[in-house]
Amino acid sequence: MDLSEKTFADFGVSAPQCQALKDAGIVHPFPIQALTLPVALERHDIIGQAKTGTGKTLGFALPVLEDVVGPDEDGFEDLLDPGHPQALIVLPTRELAIQVARETAQAAARRKVRICEIYGGRAFEPQVADLKRGVEIVVGTPGRLIDLMKQGYLSLSSVRTMVLDEADEMLDLGFLPDVEVLLSRTPANRHTMLFSATMPGEVVALARRYMSHPTHIRAQDPDDQGATVKTTRQVIYRCHALNKIEVVARILQARQRGLTIIFTRTKRTAARVAEDLGKRGFATAALHGDLGQGAREQALRAFRHGKVDVLVATDVAARGIDVDDVTHVINYQCPEDAKTYIHRIGRTGRAGNSGTAITFVDWDDVPRWKLINKELSLGIEEPVETYHTSPHLYTDLDIPEDAGGRLPRSMRKRAGLAAEKLEDLGETGGHGRGRGRSPRGQNSRGRSGGGRGKGSRNGRDRRRERDSHQGAGTQRQPRPRRARRRRRKGSED
C-alpha cells in the first residue's frame, strides 16, 4: 500500500481530527497508524508492536478521540457521568505523558475535548482542580493516578477506552502491579489497546488477563528486518574515558548537525558532561532524576524550541523525548543492554527522518558491547579505536578539520537554557527547588552541611532554640566543673 497517497480520512478518521492534523502539517499516516486505525476504530482490542520512533502515538490517540464526547457535542448530556474520564492513557514516565498529551491535544485542536495530565513531581492541587472541573481524557503515570484514585478525586467507572503505552518499560520500572490495579477499576467491557516495542512474557500475560481476543499488529518494513530503524546510521567507536569529552566537542561541530541528545548511565555524569560542554561554548541542558520537575520541563522546552541544541540525559528520559528533528544521538557511556541501546538511538531517525547514532565503548565495556552487537546482529563486533586526533573521526562524521575543543564565539547563536522560563509547579518530594541542586545544608555528595563540626550553623541554631525555651528572666546556669584529682607518684587512695 502506498501511504503517500492516503490520508487519515481514508482510514475512518473524522473531519475535525483530520483538519487539526492538517493544520499541524500531518497529512499521511505511517504504517503502524494505517494498520491500527481500521481495527481500533471498530473498538477491537489491540496489541501494537512497532519500533521506537515509528509514530504509534497517533495510532491510539485518534481512536481515543473518536470514542469520547466533549462538552457541547452531541451525546454529552446523555452520558451517565458527564465530566468523568471517558478514556485513560497510562505511560511509564512523566516526559512521555507530557509528550502524548501534547500530541493528543494537537489532534483535538478543533474540538472541545478536555485532556488532563496527571503525573508525579508536581503539585496535586492543579490536577485535582482539573478533575473537579471535568475531563474527557486522562493521560498519566501509574503512581499519581492511583494516589488520586485512592483519595477519591479520580473515578474510572466511566472509562470506555484504556491505552497502555510502552508496556515493556512499565514492566522494567515495576509498574505492572499498579497497571493491574488501574485496569481492575475500569469497566470490564472497556476497549483496551496495548503498545510496546518488545513483548516480554509478563506483558503477554497481562494482555491475556485483561484483553478480549486482541488483534496483534506488528508494523515493519519488509526491507527493514533489523531491530533498529534503517534510517539511523550507527557509528561505534572504542574511546578512552579521558578523551570522550574532546571527541564529543568535535562531533558537535559536524556539518549539518541539528539537535543532539547525549546519553549517560548516571546522573552525576550527565551533570558533569553538560557543565563541561557549557564551559566550551555549547548551548547545553541536562535532564536527569536529580532535577526538579520544573527544571526537567524547562530543559525539554528549551530543547524543543531550539534555545539549546544539546541535551545531556540519563536513560530514564530516553522514552520521553519525542522531537522529530534530532539529527544526532551520542551514547557517551555504553548502554547496559540491547534494549536500552534501541531506545536510546530511537530518539533520532524518527518519523521517517534520517539520523546518526554514535556509541562510545570504553575498554571495560567491550564484553557488554559484544553481547549487544550479537543480539542485534549489527556486525560491528570490534569498534574502531578513536581519539579526537583520529583522521577517520572527521571523515566519518563530516567534521571540519580545523574543529577544536571549544565552539568558536562566532557560532554561539543559541539563546541558552536561561532564556526558557522556569515554571513553579509546586513540586512535591525532595527535588522541589527546580534546578536540581541539593537542598541547602547539603553538598553534592549528600552529606549534611551542618554536621557536628565546631561552630556549625545547625549547632548554633540548636543552642539558640534550647535557650529560648528557658523562658523570660531565666538565666542559664553555668555548667559545674568536674573536680580533677591528681595522683602523685607513690601515693595511695
Protein backbone atom coordinates (compact mmCIF):
# COMPACT_ATOMS: atom_id res chain seq x y z
CA MET A 1 0.00 0.00 0.00
CA ASP A 2 1.36 3.40 -0.98
CA LEU A 3 0.64 5.54 2.07
CA SER A 4 1.90 8.68 0.36
CA GLU A 5 -1.42 8.79 -1.49
CA LYS A 6 -3.57 8.02 1.57
CA THR A 7 -4.91 10.43 4.16
CA PHE A 8 -6.29 9.84 7.65
CA ALA A 9 -9.81 10.28 6.27
CA ASP A 10 -9.27 7.16 4.15
CA PHE A 11 -8.93 5.15 7.36
CA GLY A 12 -12.11 6.45 9.00
CA VAL A 13 -10.85 9.42 10.98
CA SER A 14 -13.47 12.16 11.27
CA ALA A 15 -13.15 15.58 9.67
CA PRO A 16 -12.30 17.66 12.81
CA GLN A 17 -9.34 15.42 13.65
CA CYS A 18 -8.15 15.30 10.03
CA GLN A 19 -8.27 19.09 9.77
CA ALA A 20 -6.43 19.53 13.06
CA LEU A 21 -3.67 17.20 11.86
CA LYS A 22 -3.50 19.03 8.53
CA ASP A 23 -3.12 22.31 10.41
CA ALA A 24 -0.09 20.75 12.12
CA GLY A 25 1.35 19.57 8.79
CA ILE A 26 0.41 15.91 9.29
CA VAL A 27 -1.42 14.52 6.27
CA HIS A 28 -0.31 10.95 5.52
CA PRO A 29 -0.32 8.14 8.11
CA PHE A 30 2.66 5.97 8.97
CA PRO A 31 2.44 2.15 8.63
CA ILE A 32 1.64 1.48 12.30
CA GLN A 33 -1.15 4.07 12.12
CA ALA A 34 -2.56 2.68 8.87
CA LEU A 35 -2.66 -0.82 10.37
CA THR A 36 -4.04 0.24 13.75
CA LEU A 37 -6.77 2.72 12.84
CA PRO A 38 -9.23 0.42 10.99
CA VAL A 39 -9.13 -2.15 13.80
CA ALA A 40 -9.16 0.33 16.69
CA LEU A 41 -11.99 2.40 15.26
CA GLU A 42 -14.12 -0.76 15.36
CA ARG A 43 -13.31 -0.97 19.10
CA HIS A 44 -11.40 -4.24 18.84
CA ASP A 45 -8.69 -4.77 21.47
CA ILE A 46 -5.21 -4.31 20.04
CA ILE A 47 -1.64 -5.32 20.86
CA GLY A 48 0.53 -2.99 18.79
CA GLN A 49 4.22 -3.71 18.32
CA ALA A 50 6.44 -1.27 16.47
CA LYS A 51 9.94 0.13 16.68
CA THR A 52 10.59 3.28 18.64
CA GLY A 53 10.03 6.39 16.56
CA THR A 54 7.53 4.93 14.07
CA GLY A 55 4.58 7.14 15.05
CA LYS A 56 2.40 4.84 17.14
CA THR A 57 1.10 7.69 19.35
CA LEU A 58 -1.47 8.80 16.80
CA GLY A 59 -2.29 5.14 16.22
CA PHE A 60 -4.06 5.10 19.60
CA ALA A 61 -4.73 8.83 20.17
CA LEU A 62 -7.04 9.15 17.15
CA PRO A 63 -9.26 6.15 18.11
CA VAL A 64 -9.45 7.53 21.64
CA LEU A 65 -10.61 10.91 20.34
CA GLU A 66 -13.17 9.27 18.07
CA ASP A 67 -14.67 7.47 21.05
CA VAL A 68 -15.05 10.39 23.51
CA VAL A 69 -17.66 13.13 23.62
CA GLY A 70 -16.77 16.64 24.73
CA PRO A 71 -18.94 19.40 26.21
CA ASP A 72 -21.47 20.90 23.77
CA GLU A 73 -21.06 17.89 21.47
CA ASP A 74 -23.91 15.55 20.57
CA GLY A 75 -24.45 12.92 23.23
CA PHE A 76 -22.55 14.64 26.06
CA GLU A 77 -25.65 15.30 28.15
CA ASP A 78 -26.75 11.69 27.66
CA LEU A 79 -23.68 10.33 29.41
CA LEU A 80 -24.25 8.71 32.81
CA ASP A 81 -21.49 10.82 34.40
CA PRO A 82 -20.67 13.83 32.20
CA GLY A 83 -17.26 15.22 33.08
CA HIS A 84 -15.86 11.92 34.35
CA PRO A 85 -12.92 10.48 32.36
CA GLN A 86 -14.03 8.53 29.30
CA ALA A 87 -10.52 7.45 28.30
CA LEU A 88 -7.34 6.69 30.22
CA ILE A 89 -3.84 6.61 28.71
CA VAL A 90 -1.16 5.18 31.01
CA LEU A 91 2.56 5.73 30.39
CA PRO A 92 5.74 4.92 32.33
CA THR A 93 7.43 8.35 32.55
CA ARG A 94 6.47 11.95 33.14
CA GLU A 95 8.17 13.16 29.99
CA LEU A 96 6.29 10.64 27.87
CA ALA A 97 2.99 11.61 29.49
CA ILE A 98 3.60 15.25 28.63
CA GLN A 99 4.52 14.35 25.05
CA VAL A 100 1.50 12.09 24.46
CA ALA A 101 -0.88 14.65 26.00
CA ARG A 102 0.57 17.31 23.72
CA GLU A 103 0.12 15.21 20.56
CA THR A 104 -3.41 14.20 21.59
CA ALA A 105 -4.35 17.82 22.24
CA GLN A 106 -2.91 18.74 18.83
CA ALA A 107 -5.21 16.22 17.14
CA ALA A 108 -8.17 17.52 19.20
CA ALA A 109 -7.49 21.18 18.47
CA ARG A 110 -10.79 21.65 16.62
CA ARG A 111 -12.88 20.03 19.33
CA LYS A 112 -13.77 20.86 22.93
CA VAL A 113 -12.38 17.66 24.41
CA ARG A 114 -10.60 18.29 27.74
CA ILE A 115 -7.32 16.48 28.34
CA CYS A 116 -5.72 16.27 31.78
CA GLU A 117 -2.09 15.37 32.51
CA ILE A 118 -1.58 13.54 35.80
CA TYR A 119 1.94 12.65 36.89
CA GLY A 120 4.15 12.94 39.94
CA GLY A 121 6.71 15.58 40.80
CA ARG A 122 4.29 18.49 40.72
CA ALA A 123 1.55 19.78 42.99
CA PHE A 124 -1.66 17.81 43.47
CA GLU A 125 -3.93 20.86 43.59
CA PRO A 126 -3.96 21.84 39.87
CA GLN A 127 -4.57 18.24 38.86
CA VAL A 128 -7.39 17.87 41.40
CA ALA A 129 -8.90 21.14 40.15
CA ASP A 130 -8.85 19.85 36.55
CA LEU A 131 -10.60 16.64 37.59
CA LYS A 132 -13.24 18.55 39.52
CA ARG A 133 -13.95 20.79 36.52
CA GLY A 134 -14.38 17.71 34.37
CA VAL A 135 -12.19 15.95 31.80
CA GLU A 136 -12.72 13.52 28.95
CA ILE A 137 -9.21 12.08 28.58
CA VAL A 138 -6.68 11.45 31.36
CA VAL A 139 -3.02 10.95 30.43
CA GLY A 140 -0.78 9.96 33.30
CA THR A 141 1.70 7.76 35.12
CA PRO A 142 0.58 4.89 37.38
CA GLY A 143 1.74 6.20 40.75
CA ARG A 144 -0.03 9.56 40.73
CA LEU A 145 -3.13 8.07 39.08
CA ILE A 146 -3.51 5.60 41.93
CA ASP A 147 -2.85 8.32 44.53
CA LEU A 148 -5.70 10.46 43.19
CA MET A 149 -7.94 7.43 42.78
CA LYS A 150 -7.43 6.43 46.43
CA GLN A 151 -8.18 9.99 47.53
CA GLY A 152 -11.47 9.87 45.66
CA TYR A 153 -10.66 12.54 43.07
CA LEU A 154 -10.23 10.20 40.10
CA SER A 155 -13.09 7.91 39.09
CA LEU A 156 -12.50 5.29 36.39
CA SER A 157 -16.02 3.91 36.34
CA SER A 158 -16.88 5.75 33.11
CA VAL A 159 -13.71 4.82 31.19
CA ARG A 160 -14.64 3.31 27.82
CA THR A 161 -11.14 3.19 26.32
CA MET A 162 -7.84 2.42 28.04
CA VAL A 163 -4.39 2.59 26.48
CA LEU A 164 -1.16 1.14 27.90
CA ASP A 165 1.81 2.62 26.07
CA GLU A 166 5.42 1.42 26.41
CA ALA A 167 4.24 -1.61 28.40
CA ASP A 168 7.70 -3.18 28.41
CA GLU A 169 9.14 -0.06 30.02
CA MET A 170 6.42 -0.17 32.69
CA LEU A 171 7.49 -3.74 33.37
CA ASP A 172 11.12 -2.67 33.75
CA LEU A 173 10.16 0.11 36.16
CA GLY A 174 8.00 -2.21 38.27
CA PHE A 175 4.69 -0.56 37.36
CA LEU A 176 2.76 -3.62 36.14
CA PRO A 177 1.09 -4.26 39.56
CA ASP A 178 -0.11 -0.64 39.55
CA VAL A 179 -1.35 -1.04 35.99
CA GLU A 180 -3.36 -4.08 37.06
CA VAL A 181 -4.95 -2.02 39.85
CA LEU A 182 -5.99 0.63 37.31
CA LEU A 183 -7.35 -2.00 34.91
CA SER A 184 -9.39 -3.58 37.69
CA ARG A 185 -11.12 -0.24 38.41
CA THR A 186 -12.35 0.22 34.83
CA PRO A 187 -15.47 -1.41 33.35
CA ALA A 188 -14.95 -4.93 32.03
CA ASN A 189 -16.36 -4.01 28.62
CA ARG A 190 -13.79 -1.28 28.00
CA HIS A 191 -11.82 -1.03 24.76
CA THR A 192 -8.15 -1.80 25.54
CA MET A 193 -5.07 -1.02 23.45
CA LEU A 194 -1.58 -2.08 24.48
CA PHE A 195 1.56 -0.84 22.73
CA SER A 196 5.11 -1.99 23.30
CA ALA A 197 8.39 -2.11 21.39
CA THR A 198 9.11 -5.59 22.78
CA MET A 199 6.82 -8.29 24.19
CA PRO A 200 8.24 -9.88 27.38
CA GLY A 201 6.32 -12.78 28.89
CA GLU A 202 4.87 -10.66 31.71
CA VAL A 203 3.39 -8.19 29.23
CA VAL A 204 1.85 -11.02 27.20
CA ALA A 205 0.36 -12.50 30.40
CA LEU A 206 -1.14 -9.09 31.28
CA ALA A 207 -2.71 -8.87 27.85
CA ARG A 208 -4.25 -12.33 28.18
CA ARG A 209 -5.79 -11.49 31.54
CA TYR A 210 -7.29 -8.11 30.71
CA MET A 211 -7.90 -8.07 26.95
CA SER A 212 -10.63 -9.75 24.91
CA HIS A 213 -9.48 -11.53 21.74
CA PRO A 214 -6.86 -8.87 20.92
CA THR A 215 -5.58 -8.34 17.39
CA HIS A 216 -1.78 -8.42 17.29
CA ILE A 217 -0.45 -5.75 14.94
CA ARG A 218 3.22 -5.55 14.07
CA ALA A 219 4.36 -2.84 11.69
CA GLN A 220 7.68 -3.45 9.98
CA ASP A 221 9.11 -2.53 6.63
CA PRO A 222 9.80 -5.72 4.59
CA ASP A 223 13.16 -4.22 3.65
CA ASP A 224 13.97 -3.38 7.27
CA GLN A 225 14.08 -6.56 9.34
CA GLY A 226 16.60 -5.28 11.86
CA ALA A 227 15.75 -4.32 15.42
CA THR A 228 16.70 -0.69 14.78
CA VAL A 229 15.28 1.81 12.31
CA LYS A 230 17.12 1.66 9.00
CA THR A 231 17.13 5.46 8.60
CA THR A 232 19.53 5.69 11.56
CA ARG A 233 23.22 5.38 10.73
CA GLN A 234 25.13 3.68 13.55
CA VAL A 235 28.78 4.51 14.30
CA ILE A 236 30.67 2.71 17.07
CA TYR A 237 34.00 3.94 18.50
CA ARG A 238 36.23 2.49 21.17
CA CYS A 239 37.04 5.62 23.10
CA HIS A 240 39.08 6.29 26.23
CA ALA A 241 37.12 7.79 29.14
CA LEU A 242 39.53 10.72 29.50
CA ASN A 243 39.24 11.63 25.81
CA LYS A 244 35.47 11.33 25.35
CA ILE A 245 34.66 14.97 26.04
CA GLU A 246 37.21 16.08 23.44
CA VAL A 247 35.68 13.74 20.86
CA VAL A 248 32.17 14.99 21.68
CA ALA A 249 33.29 18.61 21.27
CA ARG A 250 34.39 17.79 17.72
CA ILE A 251 31.24 15.81 16.88
CA LEU A 252 29.08 18.75 17.97
CA GLN A 253 30.75 20.84 15.26
CA ALA A 254 29.86 18.43 12.45
CA ARG A 255 28.33 19.94 9.33
CA GLN A 256 24.52 19.71 9.12
CA ARG A 257 24.24 18.79 12.78
CA GLY A 258 20.91 19.72 14.32
CA LEU A 259 19.52 18.91 17.75
CA THR A 260 21.63 16.36 19.60
CA ILE A 261 20.99 14.12 22.61
CA ILE A 262 23.86 12.72 24.66
CA PHE A 263 23.01 9.73 26.86
CA THR A 264 24.83 8.74 30.05
CA ARG A 265 24.26 5.95 32.55
CA THR A 266 24.48 8.08 35.70
CA LYS A 267 23.04 11.37 36.88
CA ARG A 268 26.43 12.63 38.01
CA THR A 269 27.97 12.00 34.59
CA ALA A 270 25.07 13.79 32.88
CA ALA A 271 25.50 16.86 35.08
CA ARG A 272 29.28 16.88 34.60
CA VAL A 273 29.16 16.49 30.82
CA ALA A 274 26.52 19.22 30.48
CA GLU A 275 28.58 21.58 32.62
CA ASP A 276 31.79 20.84 30.74
CA LEU A 277 30.18 21.38 27.32
CA GLY A 278 28.58 24.59 28.55
CA LYS A 279 32.02 25.91 29.51
CA ARG A 280 33.20 25.06 25.99
CA GLY A 281 30.54 27.30 24.46
CA PHE A 282 27.80 24.83 23.54
CA ALA A 283 24.16 25.59 24.35
CA THR A 284 23.52 22.65 26.67
CA ALA A 285 20.89 21.46 29.14
CA ALA A 286 20.87 18.45 31.47
CA LEU A 287 17.94 16.10 32.07
CA HIS A 288 18.19 13.62 34.92
CA GLY A 289 16.48 12.43 38.09
CA ASP A 290 18.17 14.87 40.49
CA LEU A 291 16.43 17.78 38.77
CA GLY A 292 13.07 19.02 39.95
CA GLN A 293 10.13 18.57 37.61
CA GLY A 294 10.14 22.27 36.76
CA ALA A 295 13.78 22.12 35.69
CA ARG A 296 13.19 18.95 33.68
CA GLU A 297 10.31 20.50 31.78
CA GLN A 298 12.33 23.70 31.28
CA ALA A 299 15.17 21.69 29.72
CA LEU A 300 12.81 19.83 27.38
CA ARG A 301 11.04 23.03 26.30
CA ALA A 302 14.34 24.78 25.66
CA PHE A 303 15.46 21.80 23.58
CA ARG A 304 12.24 21.65 21.54
CA HIS A 305 12.26 25.41 20.98
CA GLY A 306 15.90 25.37 19.86
CA LYS A 307 17.20 27.56 22.67
CA VAL A 308 19.64 24.77 23.43
CA ASP A 309 20.70 22.22 20.83
CA VAL A 310 22.45 19.72 23.10
CA LEU A 311 20.54 17.74 25.72
CA VAL A 312 22.51 15.51 28.10
CA ALA A 313 20.15 12.89 29.56
CA THR A 314 20.10 9.70 31.55
CA ASP A 315 18.29 6.58 30.37
CA VAL A 316 15.21 7.41 32.46
CA ALA A 317 14.42 10.17 29.96
CA ALA A 318 15.01 8.09 26.84
CA ARG A 319 11.36 7.29 26.19
CA GLY A 320 10.01 10.72 26.97
CA ILE A 321 11.87 12.68 24.31
CA ASP A 322 9.99 12.80 21.04
CA VAL A 323 11.45 15.52 18.82
CA ASP A 324 11.39 14.84 15.09
CA ASP A 325 14.44 16.88 14.10
CA VAL A 326 17.07 15.25 16.35
CA THR A 327 19.92 14.54 13.93
CA HIS A 328 22.48 13.00 16.30
CA VAL A 329 22.43 10.75 19.35
CA ILE A 330 25.66 10.14 21.27
CA ASN A 331 25.93 7.26 23.72
CA TYR A 332 28.56 8.80 25.98
CA GLN A 333 28.54 5.63 28.06
CA CYS A 334 27.83 2.22 26.55
CA PRO A 335 24.22 1.11 27.17
CA GLU A 336 23.61 -1.68 29.66
CA ASP A 337 21.87 -3.95 27.15
CA ALA A 338 20.40 -4.18 23.65
CA LYS A 339 17.01 -2.93 24.77
CA THR A 340 18.47 0.26 26.21
CA TYR A 341 20.55 0.73 23.07
CA ILE A 342 17.45 0.51 20.86
CA HIS A 343 15.53 3.05 22.91
CA ARG A 344 18.46 5.46 23.07
CA ILE A 345 19.18 5.57 19.37
CA GLY A 346 15.43 5.64 18.69
CA ARG A 347 15.48 9.34 19.60
CA THR A 348 16.89 10.06 16.14
CA GLY A 349 15.71 8.85 12.75
CA ARG A 350 12.12 9.42 13.85
CA ALA A 351 9.04 9.85 11.65
CA GLY A 352 10.96 8.85 8.53
CA ASN A 353 13.82 11.31 9.06
CA SER A 354 17.46 10.24 8.90
CA GLY A 355 19.82 10.36 11.86
CA THR A 356 23.22 9.36 13.19
CA ALA A 357 23.82 7.40 16.40
CA ILE A 358 27.36 7.37 17.80
CA THR A 359 28.28 4.99 20.62
CA PHE A 360 31.43 5.20 22.76
CA VAL A 361 32.68 1.84 24.01
CA ASP A 362 35.32 2.06 26.73
CA TRP A 363 37.81 -0.78 27.15
CA ASP A 364 35.84 -2.13 30.12
CA ASP A 365 32.63 -2.05 28.04
CA VAL A 366 33.87 -4.29 25.21
CA PRO A 367 32.29 -7.52 26.59
CA ARG A 368 28.97 -5.71 27.08
CA TRP A 369 29.10 -4.27 23.59
CA LYS A 370 29.79 -7.70 22.06
CA LEU A 371 26.58 -9.00 23.63
CA ILE A 372 24.59 -6.04 22.27
CA ASN A 373 26.15 -6.46 18.83
CA LYS A 374 25.37 -10.19 18.79
CA GLU A 375 21.75 -9.78 19.93
CA LEU A 376 21.00 -7.05 17.38
CA SER A 377 23.17 -8.53 14.58
CA LEU A 378 24.85 -5.20 13.93
CA GLY A 379 28.06 -6.66 12.51
CA ILE A 380 30.31 -4.30 14.49
CA GLU A 381 31.97 -6.62 16.99
CA GLU A 382 35.26 -4.69 17.25
CA PRO A 383 34.77 -0.90 17.49
CA VAL A 384 37.46 1.26 15.93
CA GLU A 385 39.83 2.82 18.46
CA THR A 386 39.23 6.55 18.20
CA TYR A 387 40.65 9.76 19.69
CA HIS A 388 39.95 13.41 18.96
CA THR A 389 43.05 13.39 16.75
CA SER A 390 41.98 10.37 14.67
CA PRO A 391 41.54 11.32 10.98
CA HIS A 392 38.64 8.91 10.46
CA LEU A 393 36.58 10.75 13.11
CA TYR A 394 36.47 13.84 10.89
CA THR A 395 35.75 11.98 7.67
CA ASP A 396 33.16 9.61 9.17
CA LEU A 397 31.04 12.39 10.61
CA ASP A 398 31.79 15.28 8.24
CA ILE A 399 33.58 17.37 10.85
CA PRO A 400 35.69 20.35 9.67
CA GLU A 401 39.39 19.58 10.03
CA ASP A 402 40.01 22.79 11.98
CA ALA A 403 37.37 21.97 14.64
CA GLY A 404 38.78 22.32 18.15
CA GLY A 405 37.72 21.60 21.70
CA ARG A 406 35.63 24.76 22.03
CA LEU A 407 32.83 26.20 19.93
CA PRO A 408 34.03 29.41 18.22
CA ARG A 409 32.28 32.52 19.50
CA SER A 410 31.04 33.31 16.01
CA MET A 411 28.99 30.10 16.11
CA ARG A 412 27.38 30.63 19.51
CA LYS A 413 23.94 31.74 18.36
CA ARG A 414 21.58 29.83 20.68
CA ALA A 415 19.73 31.69 23.45
CA GLY A 416 20.61 29.08 26.08
CA LEU A 417 18.69 27.40 28.90
CA ALA A 418 18.27 30.62 30.90
CA ALA A 419 16.14 32.05 28.07
CA GLU A 420 13.45 29.44 28.78
CA LYS A 421 11.15 30.26 31.69
CA LEU A 422 11.38 28.03 34.75
CA GLU A 423 7.81 27.36 35.86
CA ASP A 424 6.81 26.98 39.50
CA LEU A 425 4.95 23.67 39.55
CA GLY A 426 4.52 23.48 43.32
CA GLU A 427 6.69 20.39 43.22
CA THR A 428 6.41 17.53 45.67
CA GLY A 429 9.19 15.40 47.08
CA GLY A 430 12.80 16.32 47.69
CA HIS A 431 13.51 17.98 44.33
CA GLY A 432 11.18 20.93 44.54
CA ARG A 433 13.90 23.54 44.21
CA GLY A 434 13.61 23.49 40.48
CA ARG A 435 17.20 23.35 39.32
CA GLY A 436 18.08 20.07 40.94
CA ARG A 437 20.66 21.41 43.35
CA SER A 438 20.95 19.69 46.69
CA PRO A 439 18.83 21.24 49.44
CA ARG A 440 20.58 23.93 51.39
CA GLY A 441 22.80 22.43 54.01
CA GLN A 442 23.93 19.55 51.82
CA ASN A 443 26.83 19.29 49.47
CA SER A 444 26.89 17.37 46.22
CA ARG A 445 27.82 14.15 47.99
CA GLY A 446 24.65 14.21 50.06
CA ARG A 447 26.34 14.76 53.44
CA SER A 448 24.85 17.27 55.80
CA GLY A 449 26.43 20.68 55.56
CA GLY A 450 25.76 21.29 59.25
CA GLY A 451 27.35 18.21 60.70
CA ARG A 452 28.91 18.21 64.13
CA GLY A 453 31.81 20.42 63.26
CA LYS A 454 32.94 23.23 65.53
CA GLY A 455 30.91 26.38 65.03
CA SER A 456 28.43 24.73 62.66
CA ARG A 457 25.33 26.71 61.83
CA ASN A 458 22.97 23.90 62.83
CA GLY A 459 24.71 23.57 66.18
CA ARG A 460 24.33 27.32 66.89
CA ASP A 461 20.67 27.20 65.88
CA ARG A 462 20.01 24.31 68.23
CA ARG A 463 21.66 26.13 71.13
CA ARG A 464 19.61 29.28 70.44
CA GLU A 465 16.41 27.23 70.29
CA ARG A 466 17.27 25.50 73.56
CA ASP A 467 18.00 28.81 75.26
CA SER A 468 14.76 30.37 74.01
CA HIS A 469 12.73 27.65 75.76
CA GLN A 470 14.13 28.55 79.17
CA GLY A 471 11.66 31.43 79.45
CA ALA A 472 12.00 35.17 80.10
CA GLY A 473 14.03 36.21 83.12
CA THR A 474 15.66 32.87 83.41
CA GLN A 475 19.41 32.90 83.45
CA ARG A 476 21.28 29.96 82.15
CA GLN A 477 23.31 28.37 84.92
CA PRO A 478 26.97 27.68 84.25
CA ARG A 479 27.87 24.05 83.93
CA PRO A 480 29.72 22.86 87.06
CA ARG A 481 33.35 21.96 86.51
CA ARG A 482 34.41 18.49 87.35
CA ALA A 483 36.99 18.23 90.06
CA ARG A 484 40.19 16.73 88.83
CA ARG A 485 42.28 14.71 91.21
CA ARG A 486 45.94 14.29 90.75
CA ARG A 487 47.56 11.15 91.83
CA ARG A 488 51.06 11.74 92.97
CA LYS A 489 53.60 9.18 92.25
CA GLY A 490 53.72 6.67 95.04
CA SER A 491 50.52 7.83 96.75
CA GLU A 492 47.58 5.55 97.57
CA ASP A 493 43.84 6.19 97.55
